Amino acid sequence: MDRKYEKIHACSNDCILYRNEFEDLKNCHKCGLSRYKVKGGDKENTNEVTKHNPPSKTVWYLPIIPRFNHMFANPTDVKNLIWHADKKKCDELLRHPVDSVQWKDIDK
């Protein structure tokens, strides 16, 4: 199964992501809410909740490396993507986000 994304269950209150050491939990260990949707909207009564119920919240993780590989696969697009490194003016004026300190850290 070669997916380019990963679905991760999350707490409805954004307390935790249900992965790694929390992968098998049914309730959030911080706020106590159910990991799965509960019939009737009673999020604290989790007696009838099973793993067959849909998750109450899902986060989609999109890895950056496959996205970069896709972006840089076309030579025409590469010219447009790297212009800031090749053709920018170095006069210490902020003309574009590429001139910011944060972008300089990305370039490093």
PDB file of N, CA and C in Angstrom:
ATOM      1  N   MET A   1       0.850  -1.173   0.000  1.00  0.00           N
ATOM      2  CA  MET A   1       0.000   0.000   0.000  1.00  0.00           C
ATOM      3  C   MET A   1       0.897   1.238   0.000  1.00  0.00           C
ATOM      4  N   ASP A   2       0.917   1.942  -1.096  1.00  0.00           N
ATOM      5  CA  ASP A   2       1.813   3.084  -1.242  1.00  0.00           C
ATOM      6  C   ASP A   2       1.007   4.386  -1.230  1.00  0.00           C
ATOM      7  N   ARG A   3       0.626   4.819  -0.034  1.00  0.00           N
ATOM      8  CA  ARG A   3      -0.107   6.077   0.082  1.00  0.00           C
ATOM      9  C   ARG A   3       0.869   7.209   0.262  1.00  0.00           C
ATOM     10  N   LYS A   4       0.501   8.350  -0.224  1.00  0.00           N
ATOM     11  CA  LYS A   4       1.350   9.530  -0.075  1.00  0.00           C
ATOM     12  C   LYS A   4       0.911  10.359   1.129  1.00  0.00           C
ATOM     13  N   TYR A   5      -0.010   9.838   1.906  1.00  0.00           N
ATOM     14  CA  TYR A   5      -0.478  10.539   3.093  1.00  0.00           C
ATOM     15  C   TYR A   5      -0.755   9.531   4.194  1.00  0.00           C
ATOM     16  N   GLU A   6      -0.906  10.049   5.397  1.00  0.00           N
ATOM     17  CA  GLU A   6      -1.206   9.187   6.543  1.00  0.00           C
ATOM     18  C   GLU A   6      -2.346   9.822   7.329  1.00  0.00           C
ATOM     19  N   LYS A   7      -3.371   9.037   7.614  1.00  0.00           N
ATOM     20  CA  LYS A   7      -4.478   9.515   8.438  1.00  0.00           C
ATOM     21  C   LYS A   7      -4.174   9.161   9.887  1.00  0.00           C
ATOM     22  N   ILE A   8      -4.236  10.175  10.763  1.00  0.00           N
ATOM     23  CA  ILE A   8      -3.939   9.978  12.180  1.00  0.00           C
ATOM     24  C   ILE A   8      -5.146  10.432  12.983  1.00  0.00           C
ATOM     25  N   HIS A   9      -5.637   9.584  13.866  1.00  0.00           N
ATOM     26  CA  HIS A   9      -6.733   9.976  14.743  1.00  0.00           C
ATOM     27  C   HIS A   9      -6.219  10.995  15.756  1.00  0.00           C
ATOM     28  N   ALA A  10      -7.087  11.963  16.104  1.00  0.00           N
ATOM     29  CA  ALA A  10      -6.711  13.012  17.051  1.00  0.00           C
ATOM     30  C   ALA A  10      -7.835  13.217  18.055  1.00  0.00           C
ATOM     31  N   CYS A  11      -7.491  13.768  19.205  1.00  0.00           N
ATOM     32  CA  CYS A  11      -8.481  14.115  20.218  1.00  0.00           C
ATOM     33  C   CYS A  11      -9.321  15.281  19.691  1.00  0.00           C
ATOM     34  N   SER A  12     -10.605  15.292  20.013  1.00  0.00           N
ATOM     35  CA  SER A  12     -11.490  16.377  19.567  1.00  0.00           C
ATOM     36  C   SER A  12     -11.056  17.729  20.108  1.00  0.00           C
ATOM     37  N   ASN A  13     -10.399  17.732  21.255  1.00  0.00           N
ATOM     38  CA  ASN A  13      -9.925  18.983  21.859  1.00  0.00           C
ATOM     39  C   ASN A  13      -8.469  19.297  21.498  1.00  0.00           C
ATOM     40  N   ASP A  14      -7.910  18.560  20.550  1.00  0.00           N
ATOM     41  CA  ASP A  14      -6.523  18.739  20.101  1.00  0.00           C
ATOM     42  C   ASP A  14      -5.501  18.494  21.205  1.00  0.00           C
ATOM     43  N   CYS A  15      -5.811  17.605  22.128  1.00  0.00           N
ATOM     44  CA  CYS A  15      -4.869  17.289  23.206  1.00  0.00           C
ATOM     45  C   CYS A  15      -3.730  16.397  22.709  1.00  0.00           C
ATOM     46  N   ILE A  16      -4.087  15.329  22.009  1.00  0.00           N
ATOM     47  CA  ILE A  16      -3.074  14.355  21.587  1.00  0.00           C
ATOM     48  C   ILE A  16      -3.391  13.830  20.197  1.00  0.00           C
ATOM     49  N   LEU A  17      -2.389  13.213  19.591  1.00  0.00           N
ATOM     50  CA  LEU A  17      -2.563  12.406  18.394  1.00  0.00           C
ATOM     51  C   LEU A  17      -2.469  10.950  18.831  1.00  0.00           C
ATOM     52  N   TYR A  18      -3.361  10.125  18.327  1.00  0.00           N
ATOM     53  CA  TYR A  18      -3.367   8.708  18.697  1.00  0.00           C
ATOM     54  C   TYR A  18      -2.370   7.958  17.822  1.00  0.00           C
ATOM     55  N   ARG A  19      -1.107   8.099  18.147  1.00  0.00           N
ATOM     56  CA  ARG A  19      -0.030   7.391  17.461  1.00  0.00           C
ATOM     57  C   ARG A  19       1.066   7.091  18.460  1.00  0.00           C
ATOM     58  N   ASN A  20       2.015   6.287  18.076  1.00  0.00           N
ATOM     59  CA  ASN A  20       3.119   5.857  18.934  1.00  0.00           C
ATOM     60  C   ASN A  20       2.580   5.245  20.219  1.00  0.00           C
ATOM     61  N   GLU A  21       2.885   5.802  21.382  1.00  0.00           N
ATOM     62  CA  GLU A  21       2.468   5.187  22.649  1.00  0.00           C
ATOM     63  C   GLU A  21       0.974   5.324  22.923  1.00  0.00           C
ATOM     64  N   PHE A  22       0.262   6.220  22.205  1.00  0.00           N
ATOM     65  CA  PHE A  22      -1.169   6.428  22.419  1.00  0.00           C
ATOM     66  C   PHE A  22      -2.032   5.703  21.387  1.00  0.00           C
ATOM     67  N   GLU A  23      -1.432   4.898  20.553  1.00  0.00           N
ATOM     68  CA  GLU A  23      -2.126   4.292  19.423  1.00  0.00           C
ATOM     69  C   GLU A  23      -3.299   3.398  19.823  1.00  0.00           C
ATOM     70  N   ASP A  24      -3.228   2.732  20.952  1.00  0.00           N
ATOM     71  CA  ASP A  24      -4.275   1.785  21.352  1.00  0.00           C
ATOM     72  C   ASP A  24      -5.300   2.360  22.315  1.00  0.00           C
ATOM     73  N   LEU A  25      -5.186   3.633  22.673  1.00  0.00           N
ATOM     74  CA  LEU A  25      -6.131   4.238  23.619  1.00  0.00           C
ATOM     75  C   LEU A  25      -7.500   4.450  22.981  1.00  0.00           C
ATOM     76  N   LYS A  26      -8.564   4.302  23.794  1.00  0.00           N
ATOM     77  CA  LYS A  26      -9.924   4.598  23.337  1.00  0.00           C
ATOM     78  C   LYS A  26     -10.365   5.986  23.773  1.00  0.00           C
ATOM     79  N   ASN A  27      -9.753   6.501  24.838  1.00  0.00           N
ATOM     80  CA  ASN A  27     -10.092   7.832  25.364  1.00  0.00           C
ATOM     81  C   ASN A  27      -8.813   8.646  25.502  1.00  0.00           C
ATOM     82  N   CYS A  28      -8.956   9.951  25.399  1.00  0.00           N
ATOM     83  CA  CYS A  28      -7.822  10.846  25.594  1.00  0.00           C
ATOM     84  C   CYS A  28      -7.389  10.782  27.057  1.00  0.00           C
ATOM     85  N   HIS A  29      -6.104  10.624  27.298  1.00  0.00           N
ATOM     86  CA  HIS A  29      -5.639  10.520  28.676  1.00  0.00           C
ATOM     87  C   HIS A  29      -5.588  11.879  29.372  1.00  0.00           C
ATOM     88  N   LYS A  30      -5.749  12.975  28.613  1.00  0.00           N
ATOM     89  CA  LYS A  30      -5.736  14.308  29.230  1.00  0.00           C
ATOM     90  C   LYS A  30      -7.136  14.805  29.564  1.00  0.00           C
ATOM     91  N   CYS A  31      -8.058  14.735  28.567  1.00  0.00           N
ATOM     92  CA  CYS A  31      -9.397  15.295  28.808  1.00  0.00           C
ATOM     93  C   CYS A  31     -10.478  14.232  28.963  1.00  0.00           C
ATOM     94  N   GLY A  32     -10.190  12.982  28.612  1.00  0.00           N
ATOM     95  CA  GLY A  32     -11.136  11.899  28.813  1.00  0.00           C
ATOM     96  C   GLY A  32     -12.153  11.709  27.697  1.00  0.00           C
ATOM     97  N   LEU A  33     -12.109  12.510  26.629  1.00  0.00           N
ATOM     98  CA  LEU A  33     -13.063  12.354  25.531  1.00  0.00           C
ATOM     99  C   LEU A  33     -12.778  11.081  24.743  1.00  0.00           C
ATOM    100  N   SER A  34     -13.829  10.547  24.146  1.00  0.00           N
ATOM    101  CA  SER A  34     -13.706   9.333  23.355  1.00  0.00           C
ATOM    102  C   SER A  34     -12.942   9.605  22.070  1.00  0.00           C
ATOM    103  N   ARG A  35     -12.165   8.629  21.672  1.00  0.00           N
ATOM    104  CA  ARG A  35     -11.438   8.704  20.402  1.00  0.00           C
ATOM    105  C   ARG A  35     -12.389   8.562  19.223  1.00  0.00           C
ATOM    106  N   TYR A  36     -13.479   7.811  19.426  1.00  0.00           N
ATOM    107  CA  TYR A  36     -14.421   7.503  18.357  1.00  0.00           C
ATOM    108  C   TYR A  36     -15.731   8.247  18.555  1.00  0.00           C
ATOM    109  N   LYS A  37     -16.442   8.470  17.456  1.00  0.00           N
ATOM    110  CA  LYS A  37     -17.753   9.110  17.539  1.00  0.00           C
ATOM    111  C   LYS A  37     -18.705   8.194  18.291  1.00  0.00           C
ATOM    112  N   VAL A  38     -19.539   8.814  19.113  1.00  0.00           N
ATOM    113  CA  VAL A  38     -20.476   8.064  19.937  1.00  0.00           C
ATOM    114  C   VAL A  38     -21.883   8.407  19.489  1.00  0.00           C
ATOM    115  N   LYS A  39     -22.735   7.412  19.364  1.00  0.00           N
ATOM    116  CA  LYS A  39     -24.120   7.653  18.964  1.00  0.00           C
ATOM    117  C   LYS A  39     -24.811   8.511  20.002  1.00  0.00           C
ATOM    118  N   GLY A  40     -25.580   9.467  19.556  1.00  0.00           N
ATOM    119  CA  GLY A  40     -26.323  10.330  20.466  1.00  0.00           C
ATOM    120  C   GLY A  40     -25.542  11.545  20.932  1.00  0.00           C
ATOM    121  N   GLY A  41     -24.293  11.666  20.567  1.00  0.00           N
ATOM    122  CA  GLY A  41     -23.495  12.836  20.901  1.00  0.00           C
ATOM    123  C   GLY A  41     -22.947  12.857  22.313  1.00  0.00           C
ATOM    124  N   ASP A  42     -23.128  11.797  23.090  1.00  0.00           N
ATOM    125  CA  ASP A  42     -22.611  11.750  24.464  1.00  0.00           C
ATOM    126  C   ASP A  42     -21.149  11.316  24.418  1.00  0.00           C
ATOM    127  N   LYS A  43     -20.246  12.276  24.386  1.00  0.00           N
ATOM    128  CA  LYS A  43     -18.828  11.977  24.202  1.00  0.00           C
ATOM    129  C   LYS A  43     -18.175  11.385  25.443  1.00  0.00           C
ATOM    130  N   GLU A  44     -18.844  11.428  26.566  1.00  0.00           N
ATOM    131  CA  GLU A  44     -18.223  10.901  27.778  1.00  0.00           C
ATOM    132  C   GLU A  44     -18.673   9.482  28.082  1.00  0.00           C
ATOM    133  N   ASN A  45     -19.804   9.056  27.507  1.00  0.00           N
ATOM    134  CA  ASN A  45     -20.276   7.692  27.715  1.00  0.00           C
ATOM    135  C   ASN A  45     -19.693   6.819  26.607  1.00  0.00           C
ATOM    136  N   THR A  46     -18.640   6.124  26.908  1.00  0.00           N
ATOM    137  CA  THR A  46     -17.923   5.352  25.883  1.00  0.00           C
ATOM    138  C   THR A  46     -18.077   3.850  26.085  1.00  0.00           C
ATOM    139  N   ASN A  47     -19.134   3.422  26.744  1.00  0.00           N
ATOM    140  CA  ASN A  47     -19.319   1.993  27.007  1.00  0.00           C
ATOM    141  C   ASN A  47     -19.526   1.194  25.724  1.00  0.00           C
ATOM    142  N   GLU A  48     -20.212   1.777  24.734  1.00  0.00           N
ATOM    143  CA  GLU A  48     -20.553   1.051  23.516  1.00  0.00           C
ATOM    144  C   GLU A  48     -19.625   1.385  22.350  1.00  0.00           C
ATOM    145  N   VAL A  49     -18.560   2.099  22.604  1.00  0.00           N
ATOM    146  CA  VAL A  49     -17.660   2.516  21.535  1.00  0.00           C
ATOM    147  C   VAL A  49     -16.714   1.384  21.187  1.00  0.00           C
ATOM    148  N   THR A  50     -16.579   1.120  19.891  1.00  0.00           N
ATOM    149  CA  THR A  50     -15.626   0.122  19.417  1.00  0.00           C
ATOM    150  C   THR A  50     -14.752   0.750  18.342  1.00  0.00           C
ATOM    151  N   LYS A  51     -13.760  -0.003  17.914  1.00  0.00           N
ATOM    152  CA  LYS A  51     -12.870   0.498  16.862  1.00  0.00           C
ATOM    153  C   LYS A  51     -13.572   0.560  15.511  1.00  0.00           C
ATOM    154  N   HIS A  52     -14.795   0.026  15.432  1.00  0.00           N
ATOM    155  CA  HIS A  52     -15.547   0.078  14.183  1.00  0.00           C
ATOM    156  C   HIS A  52     -16.254   1.420  14.015  1.00  0.00           C
ATOM    157  N   ASN A  53     -16.371   2.180  15.086  1.00  0.00           N
ATOM    158  CA  ASN A  53     -16.949   3.512  14.992  1.00  0.00           C
ATOM    159  C   ASN A  53     -15.953   4.435  14.297  1.00  0.00           C
ATOM    160  N   PRO A  54     -16.431   5.461  13.589  1.00  0.00           N
ATOM    161  CA  PRO A  54     -15.492   6.402  12.953  1.00  0.00           C
ATOM    162  C   PRO A  54     -14.797   7.272  14.001  1.00  0.00           C
ATOM    163  N   PRO A  55     -13.577   7.718  13.723  1.00  0.00           N
ATOM    164  CA  PRO A  55     -12.866   8.571  14.686  1.00  0.00           C
ATOM    165  C   PRO A  55     -13.558   9.922  14.810  1.00  0.00           C
ATOM    166  N   SER A  56     -13.448  10.518  15.982  1.00  0.00           N
ATOM    167  CA  SER A  56     -14.086  11.819  16.192  1.00  0.00           C
ATOM    168  C   SER A  56     -13.351  12.927  15.452  1.00  0.00           C
ATOM    169  N   LYS A  57     -12.052  12.764  15.232  1.00  0.00           N
ATOM    170  CA  LYS A  57     -11.268  13.754  14.498  1.00  0.00           C
ATOM    171  C   LYS A  57     -10.096  13.048  13.832  1.00  0.00           C
ATOM    172  N   THR A  58      -9.815  13.430  12.588  1.00  0.00           N
ATOM    173  CA  THR A  58      -8.723  12.833  11.835  1.00  0.00           C
ATOM    174  C   THR A  58      -7.817  13.928  11.290  1.00  0.00           C
ATOM    175  N   VAL A  59      -6.524  13.721  11.416  1.00  0.00           N
ATOM    176  CA  VAL A  59      -5.530  14.631  10.868  1.00  0.00           C
ATOM    177  C   VAL A  59      -4.878  13.926   9.684  1.00  0.00           C
ATOM    178  N   TRP A  60      -4.702  14.638   8.598  1.00  0.00           N
ATOM    179  CA  TRP A  60      -4.035  14.076   7.425  1.00  0.00           C
ATOM    180  C   TRP A  60      -2.609  14.574   7.422  1.00  0.00           C
ATOM    181  N   TYR A  61      -1.648  13.660   7.519  1.00  0.00           N
ATOM    182  CA  TYR A  61      -0.236  14.016   7.483  1.00  0.00           C
ATOM    183  C   TYR A  61       0.267  13.805   6.062  1.00  0.00           C
ATOM    184  N   LEU A  62       0.751  14.872   5.457  1.00  0.00           N
ATOM    185  CA  LEU A  62       1.285  14.816   4.099  1.00  0.00           C
ATOM    186  C   LEU A  62       2.797  15.002   4.169  1.00  0.00           C
ATOM    187  N   PRO A  63       3.581  13.946   3.982  1.00  0.00           N
ATOM    188  CA  PRO A  63       5.039  14.067   4.057  1.00  0.00           C
ATOM    189  C   PRO A  63       5.565  15.048   3.014  1.00  0.00           C
ATOM    190  N   ILE A  64       6.533  15.859   3.392  1.00  0.00           N
ATOM    191  CA  ILE A  64       7.027  16.922   2.526  1.00  0.00           C
ATOM    192  C   ILE A  64       7.949  16.411   1.421  1.00  0.00           C
ATOM    193  N   ILE A  65       8.710  15.357   1.655  1.00  0.00           N
ATOM    194  CA  ILE A  65       9.687  14.889   0.667  1.00  0.00           C
ATOM    195  C   ILE A  65       9.024  14.432  -0.641  1.00  0.00           C
ATOM    196  N   PRO A  66       7.975  13.601  -0.618  1.00  0.00           N
ATOM    197  CA  PRO A  66       7.323  13.248  -1.888  1.00  0.00           C
ATOM    198  C   PRO A  66       6.743  14.466  -2.605  1.00  0.00           C
ATOM    199  N   ARG A  67       6.272  15.447  -1.844  1.00  0.00           N
ATOM    200  CA  ARG A  67       5.746  16.662  -2.473  1.00  0.00           C
ATOM    201  C   ARG A  67       6.857  17.435  -3.159  1.00  0.00           C
ATOM    202  N   PHE A  68       8.027  17.550  -2.513  1.00  0.00           N
ATOM    203  CA  PHE A  68       9.164  18.214  -3.144  1.00  0.00           C
ATOM    204  C   PHE A  68       9.622  17.444  -4.387  1.00  0.00           C
ATOM    205  N   ASN A  69       9.683  16.129  -4.289  1.00  0.00           N
ATOM    206  CA  ASN A  69      10.078  15.326  -5.442  1.00  0.00           C
ATOM    207  C   ASN A  69       9.150  15.570  -6.631  1.00  0.00           C
ATOM    208  N   HIS A  70       7.870  15.650  -6.364  1.00  0.00           N
ATOM    209  CA  HIS A  70       6.896  15.897  -7.419  1.00  0.00           C
ATOM    210  C   HIS A  70       7.075  17.298  -8.006  1.00  0.00           C
ATOM    211  N   MET A  71       7.307  18.288  -7.144  1.00  0.00           N
ATOM    212  CA  MET A  71       7.466  19.663  -7.599  1.00  0.00           C
ATOM    213  C   MET A  71       8.711  19.837  -8.463  1.00  0.00           C
ATOM    214  N   PHE A  72       9.794  19.150  -8.109  1.00  0.00           N
ATOM    215  CA  PHE A  72      11.059  19.311  -8.811  1.00  0.00           C
ATOM    216  C   PHE A  72      11.249  18.308  -9.951  1.00  0.00           C
ATOM    217  N   ALA A  73      10.240  17.536 -10.285  1.00  0.00           N
ATOM    218  CA  ALA A  73      10.358  16.534 -11.344  1.00  0.00           C
ATOM    219  C   ALA A  73      10.354  17.161 -12.741  1.00  0.00           C
ATOM    220  N   ASN A  74       9.689  18.283 -12.921  1.00  0.00           N
ATOM    221  CA  ASN A  74       9.586  18.934 -14.221  1.00  0.00           C
ATOM    222  C   ASN A  74      10.649  20.032 -14.340  1.00  0.00           C
ATOM    223  N   PRO A  75      11.557  19.957 -15.320  1.00  0.00           N
ATOM    224  CA  PRO A  75      12.625  20.958 -15.446  1.00  0.00           C
ATOM    225  C   PRO A  75      12.120  22.391 -15.634  1.00  0.00           C
ATOM    226  N   THR A  76      10.992  22.552 -16.285  1.00  0.00           N
ATOM    227  CA  THR A  76      10.432  23.898 -16.462  1.00  0.00           C
ATOM    228  C   THR A  76      10.003  24.482 -15.120  1.00  0.00           C
ATOM    229  N   ASP A  77       9.390  23.645 -14.291  1.00  0.00           N
ATOM    230  CA  ASP A  77       8.959  24.114 -12.965  1.00  0.00           C
ATOM    231  C   ASP A  77      10.143  24.404 -12.061  1.00  0.00           C
ATOM    232  N   VAL A  78      11.228  23.652 -12.241  1.00  0.00           N
ATOM    233  CA  VAL A  78      12.410  23.845 -11.400  1.00  0.00           C
ATOM    234  C   VAL A  78      12.955  25.258 -11.571  1.00  0.00           C
ATOM    235  N   LYS A  79      12.966  25.769 -12.792  1.00  0.00           N
ATOM    236  CA  LYS A  79      13.444  27.138 -13.033  1.00  0.00           C
ATOM    237  C   LYS A  79      12.638  28.141 -12.228  1.00  0.00           C
ATOM    238  N   ASN A  80      11.337  27.946 -12.164  1.00  0.00           N
ATOM    239  CA  ASN A  80      10.480  28.850 -11.403  1.00  0.00           C
ATOM    240  C   ASN A  80      10.636  28.677  -9.891  1.00  0.00           C
ATOM    241  N   LEU A  81      10.984  27.476  -9.469  1.00  0.00           N
ATOM    242  CA  LEU A  81      11.109  27.207  -8.041  1.00  0.00           C
ATOM    243  C   LEU A  81      12.433  27.681  -7.441  1.00  0.00           C
ATOM    244  N   ILE A  82      13.472  27.759  -8.264  1.00  0.00           N
ATOM    245  CA  ILE A  82      14.783  28.118  -7.705  1.00  0.00           C
ATOM    246  C   ILE A  82      15.248  29.514  -8.113  1.00  0.00           C
ATOM    247  N   TRP A  83      14.363  30.321  -8.700  1.00  0.00           N
ATOM    248  CA  TRP A  83      14.777  31.658  -9.126  1.00  0.00           C
ATOM    249  C   TRP A  83      15.284  32.487  -7.966  1.00  0.00           C
ATOM    250  N   HIS A  84      14.705  32.283  -6.787  1.00  0.00           N
ATOM    251  CA  HIS A  84      15.097  33.095  -5.628  1.00  0.00           C
ATOM    252  C   HIS A  84      16.547  32.838  -5.217  1.00  0.00           C
ATOM    253  N   ALA A  85      17.051  31.650  -5.514  1.00  0.00           N
ATOM    254  CA  ALA A  85      18.442  31.354  -5.165  1.00  0.00           C
ATOM    255  C   ALA A  85      19.411  31.825  -6.247  1.00  0.00           C
ATOM    256  N   ASP A  86      18.935  31.897  -7.483  1.00  0.00           N
ATOM    257  CA  ASP A  86      19.819  32.238  -8.596  1.00  0.00           C
ATOM    258  C   ASP A  86      19.800  33.716  -8.985  1.00  0.00           C
ATOM    259  N   LYS A  87      18.630  34.348  -8.954  1.00  0.00           N
ATOM    260  CA  LYS A  87      18.497  35.664  -9.571  1.00  0.00           C
ATOM    261  C   LYS A  87      18.003  36.770  -8.647  1.00  0.00           C
ATOM    262  N   LYS A  88      17.996  36.560  -7.375  1.00  0.00           N
ATOM    263  CA  LYS A  88      17.493  37.621  -6.498  1.00  0.00           C
ATOM    264  C   LYS A  88      18.550  38.710  -6.285  1.00  0.00           C
ATOM    265  N   LYS A  89      18.062  39.893  -6.018  1.00  0.00           N
ATOM    266  CA  LYS A  89      18.960  41.013  -5.739  1.00  0.00           C
ATOM    267  C   LYS A  89      19.368  40.954  -4.273  1.00  0.00           C
ATOM    268  N   CYS A  90      20.626  41.139  -4.007  1.00  0.00           N
ATOM    269  CA  CYS A  90      21.140  41.083  -2.637  1.00  0.00           C
ATOM    270  C   CYS A  90      21.466  42.492  -2.153  1.00  0.00           C
ATOM    271  N   ASP A  91      20.432  43.297  -1.944  1.00  0.00           N
ATOM    272  CA  ASP A  91      20.651  44.667  -1.488  1.00  0.00           C
ATOM    273  C   ASP A  91      20.059  44.914  -0.099  1.00  0.00           C
ATOM    274  N   GLU A  92      19.741  43.814   0.623  1.00  0.00           N
ATOM    275  CA  GLU A  92      19.228  43.866   1.998  1.00  0.00           C
ATOM    276  C   GLU A  92      17.858  44.534   2.119  1.00  0.00           C
ATOM    277  N   LEU A  93      17.136  44.762   1.007  1.00  0.00           N
ATOM    278  CA  LEU A  93      15.766  45.271   1.062  1.00  0.00           C
ATOM    279  C   LEU A  93      14.798  44.099   0.998  1.00  0.00           C
ATOM    280  N   LEU A  94      13.700  44.225   1.711  1.00  0.00           N
ATOM    281  CA  LEU A  94      12.692  43.161   1.729  1.00  0.00           C
ATOM    282  C   LEU A  94      11.707  43.406   0.589  1.00  0.00           C
ATOM    283  N   ARG A  95      11.932  42.748  -0.532  1.00  0.00           N
ATOM    284  CA  ARG A  95      11.082  42.911  -1.712  1.00  0.00           C
ATOM    285  C   ARG A  95      10.122  41.730  -1.874  1.00  0.00           C
ATOM    286  N   HIS A  96      10.462  40.630  -1.277  1.00  0.00           N
ATOM    287  CA  HIS A  96       9.730  39.383  -1.465  1.00  0.00           C
ATOM    288  C   HIS A  96       9.959  38.539  -0.211  1.00  0.00           C
ATOM    289  N   PRO A  97       9.049  37.616   0.123  1.00  0.00           N
ATOM    290  CA  PRO A  97       9.282  36.765   1.303  1.00  0.00           C
ATOM    291  C   PRO A  97      10.618  36.027   1.265  1.00  0.00           C
ATOM    292  N   VAL A  98      11.161  35.817   0.074  1.00  0.00           N
ATOM    293  CA  VAL A  98      12.435  35.133  -0.046  1.00  0.00           C
ATOM    294  C   VAL A  98      13.577  35.946   0.574  1.00  0.00           C
ATOM    295  N   ASP A  99      13.375  37.239   0.775  1.00  0.00           N
ATOM    296  CA  ASP A  99      14.392  38.094   1.372  1.00  0.00           C
ATOM    297  C   ASP A  99      14.370  38.075   2.899  1.00  0.00           C
ATOM    298  N   SER A 100      13.431  37.358   3.487  1.00  0.00           N
ATOM    299  CA  SER A 100      13.289  37.352   4.943  1.00  0.00           C
ATOM    300  C   SER A 100      14.337  36.470   5.608  1.00  0.00           C
ATOM    301  N   VAL A 101      14.508  36.676   6.893  1.00  0.00           N
ATOM    302  CA  VAL A 101      15.466  35.897   7.673  1.00  0.00           C
ATOM    303  C   VAL A 101      15.055  34.424   7.706  1.00  0.00           C
ATOM    304  N   GLN A 102      13.747  34.160   7.824  1.00  0.00           N
ATOM    305  CA  GLN A 102      13.276  32.780   7.885  1.00  0.00           C
ATOM    306  C   GLN A 102      13.596  32.024   6.594  1.00  0.00           C
ATOM    307  N   TRP A 103      13.449  32.696   5.465  1.00  0.00           N
ATOM    308  CA  TRP A 103      13.731  32.030   4.195  1.00  0.00           C
ATOM    309  C   TRP A 103      15.221  31.746   4.057  1.00  0.00           C
ATOM    310  N   LYS A 104      16.032  32.629   4.585  1.00  0.00           N
ATOM    311  CA  LYS A 104      17.480  32.404   4.542  1.00  0.00           C
ATOM    312  C   LYS A 104      17.853  31.162   5.345  1.00  0.00           C
ATOM    313  N   ASP A 105      17.128  30.923   6.426  1.00  0.00           N
ATOM    314  CA  ASP A 105      17.354  29.690   7.201  1.00  0.00           C
ATOM    315  C   ASP A 105      16.971  28.460   6.388  1.00  0.00           C
ATOM    316  N   ILE A 106      15.890  28.569   5.606  1.00  0.00           N
ATOM    317  CA  ILE A 106      15.459  27.446   4.755  1.00  0.00           C
ATOM    318  C   ILE A 106      16.515  27.166   3.695  1.00  0.00           C
ATOM    319  N   ASP A 107      17.082  28.232   3.111  1.00  0.00           N
ATOM    320  CA  ASP A 107      18.116  28.064   2.096  1.00  0.00           C
ATOM    321  C   ASP A 107      19.356  27.368   2.640  1.00  0.00           C
ATOM    322  N   LYS A 108      19.664  27.620   3.917  1.00  0.00           N
ATOM    323  CA  LYS A 108      20.832  26.984   4.516  1.00  0.00           C
ATOM    324  C   LYS A 108      20.591  25.501   4.647  1.00  0.00           C
TER     325      LYS A 108
END
